[in-house]
Protein backbone atom coordinates (compact mmCIF):
# COMPACT_ATOMS: atom_id res chain seq x y z
CA MET A 1 15.00 10.73 12.68
CA LEU A 2 11.69 10.90 14.47
CA LYS A 3 8.54 12.33 12.99
CA LEU A 4 5.44 11.86 15.10
CA LEU A 5 2.94 9.60 13.37
CA ARG A 6 -0.22 11.03 11.86
CA ALA A 7 -3.31 11.30 13.99
CA SER A 8 -4.70 7.87 13.16
CA PHE A 9 -1.79 6.32 14.99
CA LEU A 10 -1.24 9.18 17.39
CA PHE A 11 1.43 8.93 20.03
CA ALA A 12 -0.50 10.34 22.97
CA ALA A 13 0.83 12.59 25.69
CA LEU A 14 -0.97 10.85 28.49
CA ALA A 15 0.05 7.63 30.12
CA CYS A 16 -2.49 5.30 28.59
CA LEU A 17 -5.56 7.38 29.33
CA VAL A 18 -8.12 5.59 31.47
CA SER A 19 -11.48 5.98 29.79
CA SER A 20 -14.15 7.46 32.03
CA PHE A 21 -16.76 6.04 29.73
CA MET A 22 -16.53 2.31 30.47
CA ALA A 23 -19.29 2.30 33.06
CA ALA A 24 -21.97 2.04 30.39
CA SER A 25 -20.21 -0.72 28.46
CA ALA A 26 -21.77 -4.16 28.64
CA SER A 27 -18.51 -5.93 27.87
CA ALA A 28 -16.47 -7.73 30.48
CA ALA A 29 -12.73 -8.02 30.55
CA PRO A 30 -11.60 -11.17 28.73
CA PRO A 31 -9.52 -13.74 30.56
CA ARG A 32 -5.88 -12.78 30.46
CA ALA A 33 -3.09 -15.23 29.74
CA THR A 34 -0.05 -15.28 31.98
CA PRO A 35 2.27 -12.44 30.89
CA GLY A 36 5.26 -13.75 28.97
CA GLU A 37 3.59 -16.91 27.71
CA PRO A 38 4.15 -17.46 23.96
CA ALA A 39 1.19 -16.39 21.87
CA PRO A 40 -0.61 -19.55 20.78
CA ALA A 41 -0.21 -20.97 17.28
CA GLY A 42 -3.07 -20.53 14.87
CA SER A 43 -5.48 -17.68 14.23
CA PRO A 44 -5.49 -14.89 16.82
CA VAL A 45 -9.18 -14.14 16.14
CA ALA A 46 -11.53 -14.88 19.03
CA GLY A 47 -15.25 -14.26 19.44
CA PRO A 48 -17.92 -13.36 20.04
CA ILE A 49 -16.93 -9.77 19.29
CA HIS A 50 -18.35 -6.85 21.22
CA PHE A 51 -17.64 -3.13 20.89
CA GLN A 52 -19.34 0.15 21.58
CA PHE A 53 -19.95 3.37 19.65
CA ALA A 54 -21.99 6.35 20.83
CA ILE A 55 -23.55 9.47 19.39
CA TYR A 56 -23.37 12.62 21.53
CA TYR A 57 -25.79 15.51 21.15
CA PRO A 58 -24.44 18.97 22.02
CA ALA A 59 -27.84 20.30 20.87
CA ARG A 60 -31.32 18.80 20.74
CA PRO A 61 -31.45 15.94 18.17
CA THR A 62 -33.20 16.94 14.96
CA THR A 63 -34.99 13.57 14.91
CA ASP A 64 -35.74 11.05 17.65
CA PRO A 65 -32.57 8.87 17.71
CA MET A 66 -34.35 5.58 18.39
CA THR A 67 -36.74 6.21 15.51
CA ALA A 68 -33.83 7.09 13.25
CA LEU A 69 -32.01 3.92 14.33
CA ARG A 70 -34.99 1.67 13.59
CA ASN A 71 -35.53 3.30 10.20
CA ARG A 72 -31.90 2.89 9.20
CA ILE A 73 -31.76 -0.73 10.34
CA ALA A 74 -34.83 -1.42 8.19
CA THR A 75 -33.23 0.04 5.07
CA LEU A 76 -29.51 -0.78 5.45
CA ASP A 77 -28.64 -4.04 3.72
CA GLY A 78 -26.84 -6.33 6.18
CA ALA A 79 -27.61 -4.16 9.20
CA PRO A 80 -27.45 -5.77 12.65
CA LYS A 81 -30.67 -6.81 14.33
CA LEU A 82 -31.95 -4.43 17.04
CA ALA A 83 -31.86 -6.33 20.34
CA ALA A 84 -34.22 -5.61 23.26
CA THR A 85 -31.42 -6.50 25.68
CA MET A 86 -27.72 -7.09 25.20
CA PRO A 87 -27.26 -10.87 24.81
CA ALA A 88 -24.80 -12.75 26.96
CA PRO A 89 -21.61 -13.58 24.99
CA ALA A 90 -22.43 -17.28 24.84
CA SER A 91 -25.81 -16.60 23.22
CA VAL A 92 -24.63 -14.33 20.40
CA ARG A 93 -25.63 -16.02 17.14
CA GLU A 94 -26.11 -13.14 14.71
CA ALA A 95 -25.03 -9.54 14.38
CA VAL A 96 -27.02 -7.45 16.87
CA VAL A 97 -27.04 -3.93 18.27
CA PHE A 98 -28.42 -2.90 21.63
CA ALA A 99 -29.27 0.80 21.92
CA ASN A 100 -29.39 2.83 25.12
CA TRP A 101 -30.97 6.27 24.60
CA ASN A 102 -29.51 8.00 27.65
CA THR A 103 -31.09 11.34 28.50
CA THR A 104 -30.58 11.44 32.27
CA THR A 105 -27.14 10.22 33.38
CA VAL A 106 -24.78 11.20 30.54
CA GLN A 107 -22.94 13.87 32.53
CA LYS A 108 -22.49 11.44 35.42
CA GLU A 109 -21.91 8.05 33.79
CA TYR A 110 -20.95 8.81 30.18
CA ARG A 111 -19.38 12.23 30.40
CA PRO A 112 -18.23 13.68 27.08
CA PRO A 113 -14.47 13.97 26.55
CA SER A 114 -12.86 17.06 28.04
CA MET A 115 -11.44 19.94 26.01
CA ASP A 116 -7.95 18.62 26.74
CA MET A 117 -8.86 15.16 25.42
CA LEU A 118 -10.51 16.62 22.36
CA GLN A 119 -7.31 18.44 21.43
CA ARG A 120 -5.64 15.04 21.14
CA PHE A 121 -8.48 12.71 20.23
CA GLY A 122 -11.12 14.87 18.56
CA TYR A 123 -11.24 15.04 14.76
CA GLY A 124 -12.84 17.77 12.69
CA LEU A 125 -14.45 19.68 15.57
CA SER A 126 -14.54 23.45 15.75
CA ARG A 127 -13.85 25.06 19.11
CA GLU A 128 -17.53 25.99 19.32
CA GLN A 129 -18.55 22.35 18.83
CA ALA A 130 -16.04 21.17 21.42
CA GLU A 131 -17.26 23.70 23.97
CA ALA A 132 -20.91 22.84 23.33
CA LEU A 133 -20.10 19.15 23.75
CA GLN A 134 -18.99 19.74 27.34
CA ASN A 135 -22.63 20.35 28.30
CA ALA A 136 -24.11 17.47 26.29
CA ASP A 137 -26.63 15.58 28.43
CA LYS A 138 -27.91 13.14 25.82
CA ALA A 139 -26.23 10.23 24.06
CA LEU A 140 -27.30 7.23 22.02
CA ILE A 141 -25.05 4.38 23.17
CA LEU A 142 -24.74 1.53 20.66
CA ASP A 143 -23.41 -1.87 21.73
CA PHE A 144 -22.65 -4.17 18.80
CA ALA A 145 -22.05 -7.91 19.03
CA HIS A 146 -21.48 -10.68 16.48
CA GLN A 147 -19.51 -13.85 15.91
CA ALA A 148 -15.85 -13.82 14.84
CA PRO A 149 -16.42 -14.98 11.22
CA GLN A 150 -18.45 -11.79 10.68
CA ALA A 151 -15.69 -9.53 12.02
CA ARG A 152 -14.96 -7.34 9.00
CA THR A 153 -18.39 -7.20 7.39
CA ALA A 154 -20.19 -6.58 10.69
CA LEU A 155 -17.75 -3.83 11.65
CA PHE A 156 -18.30 -2.08 8.34
CA LYS A 157 -22.07 -2.24 8.74
CA ALA A 158 -21.87 -1.02 12.33
CA THR A 159 -19.68 1.89 11.30
CA GLU A 160 -22.01 2.76 8.43
CA LEU A 161 -25.13 2.49 10.60
CA ALA A 162 -23.68 4.77 13.28
CA LEU A 163 -22.84 7.38 10.64
CA GLN A 164 -26.32 7.29 9.11
CA VAL A 165 -28.04 7.71 12.48
CA ALA A 166 -25.67 10.51 13.52
CA ARG A 167 -26.36 12.31 10.23
CA ASP A 168 -30.13 11.90 10.62
CA THR A 169 -30.05 13.30 14.16
CA ASN A 170 -27.18 15.84 13.98
CA GLY A 171 -24.86 14.14 16.45
CA LEU A 172 -21.12 13.62 16.99
CA LEU A 173 -19.63 10.12 16.87
CA TRP A 174 -17.65 8.51 19.69
CA ASP A 175 -15.62 5.28 19.50
CA GLU A 176 -15.43 3.89 23.02
CA GLU A 177 -12.73 1.38 22.07
CA THR A 178 -10.24 3.94 20.71
CA ARG A 179 -11.51 6.83 22.90
CA GLU A 180 -11.86 9.19 19.94
CA LEU A 181 -14.59 11.59 18.81
CA PHE A 182 -15.43 12.51 15.19
CA THR A 183 -17.53 14.85 13.15
CA LEU A 184 -19.59 13.15 10.44
CA ASP A 185 -17.11 14.01 7.69
CA GLU A 186 -14.11 12.76 9.66
CA TRP A 187 -15.87 9.51 10.58
CA ARG A 188 -16.67 8.86 6.94
CA LYS A 189 -13.16 9.71 5.76
CA ARG A 190 -11.32 7.68 8.38
CA ARG A 191 -13.72 4.84 9.13
CA ILE A 192 -15.52 4.15 5.83
CA ASP A 193 -13.78 5.64 2.80
CA SER A 194 -10.41 4.01 3.62
CA TRP A 195 -11.72 0.46 3.09
CA ALA A 196 -10.39 -1.16 -0.08
CA ASN A 197 -11.97 -4.28 -1.61
CA GLY A 198 -13.55 -5.22 1.71
CA ILE A 199 -10.31 -4.71 3.67
CA PRO A 200 -10.04 -1.95 6.28
CA ASN A 201 -6.96 0.15 6.88
CA VAL A 202 -6.31 -0.79 10.49
CA ALA A 203 -4.61 2.55 11.15
CA ASP A 204 -7.97 4.27 10.64
CA HIS A 205 -9.82 2.01 13.10
CA THR A 206 -7.27 1.94 15.91
CA THR A 207 -4.96 4.33 17.67
CA ILE A 208 -1.69 3.96 19.54
CA HIS A 209 -1.04 5.43 22.96
CA ALA A 210 2.63 5.76 23.85
CA TYR A 211 4.15 7.13 27.01
CA ARG A 212 7.35 7.13 29.02
CA SER A 213 7.63 4.14 31.32
CA ASP A 214 10.62 4.29 33.64
CA ASN A 215 13.36 5.62 31.35
CA MET A 216 11.97 4.21 28.11
CA VAL A 217 8.71 4.18 26.14
CA ARG A 218 5.75 1.79 26.09
CA ALA A 219 3.15 1.80 23.29
CA ILE A 220 -0.15 -0.01 22.99
CA THR A 221 -2.91 -0.12 20.40
CA LEU A 222 -6.55 0.55 21.21
CA GLY A 223 -9.39 -0.74 19.06
CA MET A 224 -8.29 -4.20 17.90
CA VAL A 225 -11.13 -5.74 19.90
CA LYS A 226 -13.47 -4.54 17.11
CA PHE A 227 -11.87 -7.18 14.90
CA GLY A 228 -11.87 -9.88 17.59
CA LEU A 229 -8.09 -9.51 17.78
CA PRO A 230 -5.60 -8.83 20.57
CA ASP A 231 -4.22 -5.35 21.02
CA VAL A 232 -0.50 -5.02 20.36
CA VAL A 233 2.10 -3.83 22.87
CA VAL A 234 5.75 -2.93 22.45
CA SER A 235 7.80 -1.87 25.46
CA ASP A 236 11.16 -0.48 26.42
CA PHE A 237 12.11 1.48 23.31
CA SER A 238 13.30 5.03 22.75
CA TRP A 239 11.45 8.00 21.27
CA SER A 240 13.85 8.16 18.34
CA SER A 241 12.59 4.68 17.34
CA SER A 242 8.89 5.59 17.59
CA LYS A 243 8.28 6.04 13.86
CA SER A 244 9.71 2.58 13.08
CA MET A 245 7.99 0.99 16.09
CA GLY A 246 4.69 2.56 15.09
CA SER A 247 5.04 1.19 11.56
CA LEU A 248 5.91 -2.26 12.90
CA VAL A 249 2.87 -2.31 15.19
CA VAL A 250 0.50 -1.08 12.46
CA MET A 251 1.77 -3.59 9.88
CA PHE A 252 1.46 -6.51 12.31
CA SER A 253 -2.03 -5.34 13.28
CA GLN A 254 -2.97 -5.09 9.60
CA ALA A 255 -1.62 -8.58 8.93
CA MET A 256 -3.83 -9.97 11.71
CA VAL A 257 -6.88 -8.10 10.36
CA GLU A 258 -6.20 -9.65 6.95
CA GLY A 259 -6.17 -13.16 8.41
CA ALA A 260 -2.61 -13.85 9.53
CA SER A 261 -2.04 -16.97 11.65
CA LEU A 262 0.94 -17.98 13.75
CA ALA A 263 2.55 -21.08 12.26
CA ARG A 264 4.44 -21.62 15.53
CA ALA A 265 3.59 -20.56 19.05
CA GLY A 266 5.24 -17.25 19.90
CA GLN A 267 6.56 -16.55 16.39
CA TYR A 268 5.37 -14.68 13.34
CA ASP A 269 7.27 -13.68 10.20
CA LEU A 270 5.85 -10.34 9.11
CA ASP A 271 6.32 -9.54 5.43
CA PRO A 272 4.99 -6.05 4.65
CA ARG A 273 4.97 -6.91 0.94
CA ALA A 274 2.21 -9.44 1.60
CA ILE A 275 -0.21 -6.89 3.05
CA ARG A 276 -3.20 -6.64 0.76
CA HIS A 277 -4.41 -3.14 1.61
CA ALA A 278 -2.38 -1.26 -1.00
CA GLY A 279 -2.62 2.16 0.63
CA LEU A 280 -1.25 1.00 3.95
CA ARG A 281 1.29 -1.35 2.37
CA ASN A 282 2.73 1.28 0.05
CA ALA A 283 2.87 3.93 2.76
CA HIS A 284 5.04 1.72 4.92
CA LEU A 285 7.16 0.23 2.16
CA SER A 286 8.06 3.74 1.02
CA ASN A 287 9.95 4.17 4.31
CA GLN A 288 12.15 1.12 3.74
CA LYS A 289 15.79 1.63 2.84
CA THR A 290 17.41 -0.43 0.10
CA ASN A 291 19.39 -2.42 2.70
CA ALA A 292 16.25 -3.69 4.46
CA ALA A 293 15.71 -7.44 4.70
CA ALA A 294 11.95 -6.66 4.61
CA VAL A 295 10.73 -9.59 6.72
CA ALA A 296 10.43 -8.92 10.46
CA LYS A 297 10.89 -12.03 12.59
CA LEU A 298 8.63 -11.26 15.53
CA SER A 299 8.56 -12.94 18.91
CA LEU A 300 5.09 -12.69 20.42
CA VAL A 301 4.10 -13.22 24.03
CA SER A 302 1.08 -12.45 26.12
CA GLY A 303 1.45 -8.84 27.26
CA LYS A 304 1.35 -7.60 30.82
CA TRP A 305 -1.82 -5.59 31.36
CA GLU A 306 -1.40 -2.10 32.88
CA SER A 307 -3.93 0.40 34.19
CA GLY A 308 -5.63 2.18 31.30
CA ASP A 309 -4.98 -0.61 28.79
CA PRO A 310 -7.96 -1.80 26.72
CA GLN A 311 -10.09 -4.58 28.17
CA ASN A 312 -8.74 -7.07 25.68
CA ARG A 313 -6.11 -9.73 25.12
CA LEU A 314 -2.61 -8.34 24.58
CA TYR A 315 0.17 -9.57 22.28
CA GLU A 316 3.56 -8.06 23.07
CA ILE A 317 6.25 -7.86 20.39
CA GLN A 318 9.67 -8.95 21.60
CA PHE A 319 13.01 -9.25 19.84
CA ASP A 320 14.47 -12.62 20.85
CA ARG A 321 14.91 -13.87 17.29
CA TYR A 322 17.68 -11.37 16.54
CA PRO A 323 21.30 -11.40 17.76
CA GLY A 324 22.77 -8.87 20.14
CA PRO A 325 24.35 -8.51 23.59
CA ASP A 326 21.17 -7.03 25.14
CA ARG A 327 17.50 -6.41 24.33
CA TYR A 328 18.23 -2.95 22.90
CA ALA A 329 20.77 -4.27 20.43
CA ARG A 330 18.33 -7.03 19.41
CA GLN A 331 15.57 -4.46 19.07
CA THR A 332 17.78 -2.35 16.81
CA ALA A 333 18.65 -5.42 14.77
CA LEU A 334 14.95 -6.12 14.16
CA LEU A 335 14.24 -2.54 13.08
CA ILE A 336 17.25 -2.44 10.77
CA ALA A 337 16.29 -5.78 9.23
CA THR A 338 12.72 -4.58 8.68
CA PHE A 339 13.27 -1.01 7.55
CA GLY A 340 16.98 -0.77 6.75
CA ALA A 341 19.31 1.87 8.13
CA GLU A 342 21.10 4.99 7.05
CA GLU A 343 24.64 4.18 6.04
CA ASP A 344 27.04 5.39 8.75
CA SER A 345 30.00 7.33 7.44
CA VAL A 346 33.21 7.94 9.38
CA THR A 347 35.05 11.24 9.07
CA ARG A 348 38.68 11.19 10.16
CA LEU A 349 39.96 14.67 10.93
CA GLN A 350 41.59 16.90 13.48
CA HIS A 351 39.27 19.33 15.26
CA ASN A 352 40.19 22.89 14.23
CA ASP A 353 39.59 26.08 16.20
CA GLU A 354 36.13 26.61 14.68
CA VAL A 355 34.96 23.12 15.61
CA ILE A 356 36.39 23.42 19.13
CA ALA A 357 34.70 26.79 19.64
CA ALA A 358 31.33 25.36 18.51
CA SER A 359 31.81 22.41 20.87
CA LYS A 360 32.45 24.75 23.82
CA THR A 361 29.23 26.60 23.03
CA ALA A 362 27.34 23.30 22.93
CA VAL A 363 28.89 22.05 26.18
CA ALA A 364 27.77 25.25 27.91
CA GLN A 365 24.16 24.22 27.18
CA LEU A 366 24.46 20.80 28.84
CA PRO A 367 23.38 21.83 32.37
CA LYS A 368 20.20 23.36 30.95
CA LEU A 369 19.56 20.26 28.85
CA ARG A 370 20.06 18.01 31.86
CA GLU A 371 17.57 20.08 33.84
CA ALA A 372 15.01 19.93 31.01
CA PHE A 373 15.48 16.18 30.64
CA ASN A 374 14.96 15.51 34.35
CA LYS A 375 11.91 17.76 34.52
CA GLY A 376 10.41 15.65 31.74
CA LEU A 377 10.50 16.12 27.99
CA GLN A 378 7.38 16.22 25.83
CA PRO A 379 6.17 12.93 24.34
CA GLY A 380 8.23 12.35 21.22
CA GLU A 381 11.02 14.71 22.31
CA TYR A 382 14.53 13.40 22.93
CA ILE A 383 18.15 14.45 23.38
CA LEU A 384 21.25 12.97 21.72
CA VAL A 385 24.77 13.65 22.94
CA LYS A 386 27.94 13.10 20.95
CA ALA A 387 30.52 11.39 23.14
CA ALA A 388 34.01 9.98 22.76
CA PHE A 389 34.63 6.23 22.77
CA ALA A 390 38.28 5.21 23.01
CA ARG A 391 39.84 3.39 20.08
CA ARG A 392 43.39 2.61 19.13
CA GLY A 393 45.13 5.87 18.33
CA GLY A 394 42.35 8.24 19.43
CA ASN A 395 38.58 8.50 19.86
CA GLU A 396 35.53 7.56 17.83
CA TRP A 397 32.75 10.10 18.32
CA MET A 398 29.25 8.64 18.31
CA TRP A 399 25.73 9.72 19.16
CA VAL A 400 23.94 8.43 22.27
CA GLU A 401 20.22 8.92 22.95
CA VAL A 402 19.85 9.91 26.60
CA THR A 403 17.66 7.69 28.76
CA ARG A 404 18.98 8.74 32.19
CA TRP A 405 21.01 11.78 33.26
CA ALA A 406 22.20 12.01 36.86
CA GLY A 407 24.94 14.55 37.51
CA ASP A 408 27.87 13.72 35.27
CA ALA A 409 26.58 10.23 34.45
CA ILE A 410 24.57 9.72 31.26
CA ASP A 411 22.95 6.42 30.31
CA GLY A 412 21.68 5.98 26.79
CA LEU A 413 21.36 3.98 23.61
CA LEU A 414 24.22 4.01 21.12
CA LYS A 415 22.79 5.23 17.82
CA ASN A 416 25.81 4.58 15.54
CA GLU A 417 27.45 1.34 14.49
CA PRO A 418 31.08 1.57 15.71
CA VAL A 419 33.87 1.16 13.20
CA ASP A 420 36.96 0.97 15.40
CA VAL A 421 35.57 0.14 18.86
CA PRO A 422 35.31 -3.64 19.39
CA GLY A 423 32.57 -4.91 21.69
CA LEU A 424 30.07 -2.14 20.96
CA HIS A 425 27.01 -2.34 18.74
CA ALA A 426 24.35 0.12 17.63
CA GLY A 427 21.37 -0.04 19.97
CA GLN A 428 23.48 -1.08 22.95
CA MET A 429 22.93 0.62 26.32
CA VAL A 430 26.08 2.56 27.21
CA LYS A 431 27.32 4.98 29.88
CA VAL A 432 29.13 8.22 29.09
CA SER A 433 30.41 11.15 31.10
CA GLN A 434 28.90 14.60 30.64
CA ALA A 435 32.45 15.93 30.92
CA LYS A 436 33.32 14.08 27.70
CA VAL A 437 30.31 15.22 25.67
CA PHE A 438 31.29 17.13 22.53
CA ASP A 439 27.92 18.23 21.12
CA TYR A 440 24.18 17.59 21.38
CA ILE A 441 20.97 17.42 19.37
CA ARG A 442 17.59 18.22 20.90
CA ARG A 443 14.78 16.92 18.76
CA TYR A 444 11.27 18.27 19.37
CA PRO A 445 8.00 16.42 18.64
CA ASP A 446 7.26 18.67 15.64
CA GLY A 447 10.59 17.72 14.00
CA ARG A 448 12.54 20.86 14.91
CA GLU A 449 16.14 20.35 15.99
CA GLU A 450 18.66 22.42 17.85
CA GLY A 451 22.36 21.75 18.33
CA ASN A 452 24.85 19.76 16.22
CA GLU A 453 26.73 22.91 15.22
CA THR A 454 29.99 20.95 15.13
CA GLY A 455 28.43 18.51 12.67
CA LYS A 456 27.41 21.34 10.37
CA ILE A 457 30.96 22.69 10.39
CA ILE A 458 32.47 19.25 9.75
CA SER A 459 30.05 18.67 6.85
CA ARG A 460 31.08 21.99 5.34
CA MET A 461 34.76 21.11 5.73
CA GLN A 462 34.19 17.74 4.05
CA SER A 463 32.30 19.26 1.14
CA LYS A 464 35.26 21.48 0.33
CA LYS A 465 37.62 18.54 -0.06
């Protein structure tokens, strides 16, 4: 069942937030391939690489930021060269940083993130710091550029340099590419300390925004441009799959950061066991069931850019290399192959008076659930209904995740693998009648559940046998 991912791959509440901070960025949007085209064979790395950090000052800097920057560049081994102007992409030959000490137009052109944004994308800040930041009128904007072969080492040095200057001047650190703000301690913990043997943990340098699109969910990474890599998109999945989808996206992103290439256009075989960053690898492998095939056979196409997406190339994960009657069944097949699945068990019994009474109580809640669903659930929240599917000699009761609820008609994804109902598969889009719903589960973003009282009774009955 769903647990929202930790903050470093946060599933955001907003529909791919449009950054209000891009006006100061010197980067231009890269050329976009035609959506749906197979991702090209070979390395996905492309350069030159450009990204932007900034240091905000809620209070007067303790030291002149430009002086601090020059001093740190002079003493930091492997630091980028301070450029008088930002070089054109074609002329980038070495790692450089262009600094803009903005003391006049910050509130207009580089406004600090709002209190609402900081609740989602601010790390380590006290409320007092967040409130003071709203009035910040000074920022040191740092544009970094270098060639693709320097991707990892130059990113580490840029991250280290930004921290040193922020510490010297008492500032707060902003990552324009992921749209996140950090205190000094959080920046060090997430952006520096998590490197292992020269390999970054991609989950600490990127974030994932996910939001409802039509009746399903779309998720996209932000921050892969810092590695000269495409951001990763996955579309048209359900909230109950978000933990697995998030893991899939992070592992593929990590594989690219570690040097993965596509042997064939549009295809990549992702083996989590081959990931070299042990912390990330072990965290994801610990979620695999024993029946997992481990390797995920990904189809990769050029993603369709949407408003608020990063100004970067997009690779979209699709599911065409798995069998199934529709995209949802193929999607489920990929996730089961990669992570395994809970073993479905079938209980054959007659509903007694206690079970029937619990079902009536649940059914009485359905109009309220339908109203809540159509008003809009929170990101990460979803509703399952238990419905009857006809089989020879009776019904097979299975769970369906609701994707549309109009009057009596419920559309959703079948979450169980049928035993006695030919022609149905887990992950398939099905239609059920509210009048035939037996029970429900409402799952909240924090992991709380309500409903499934009939299931609790049936489990108790089974345990007594």
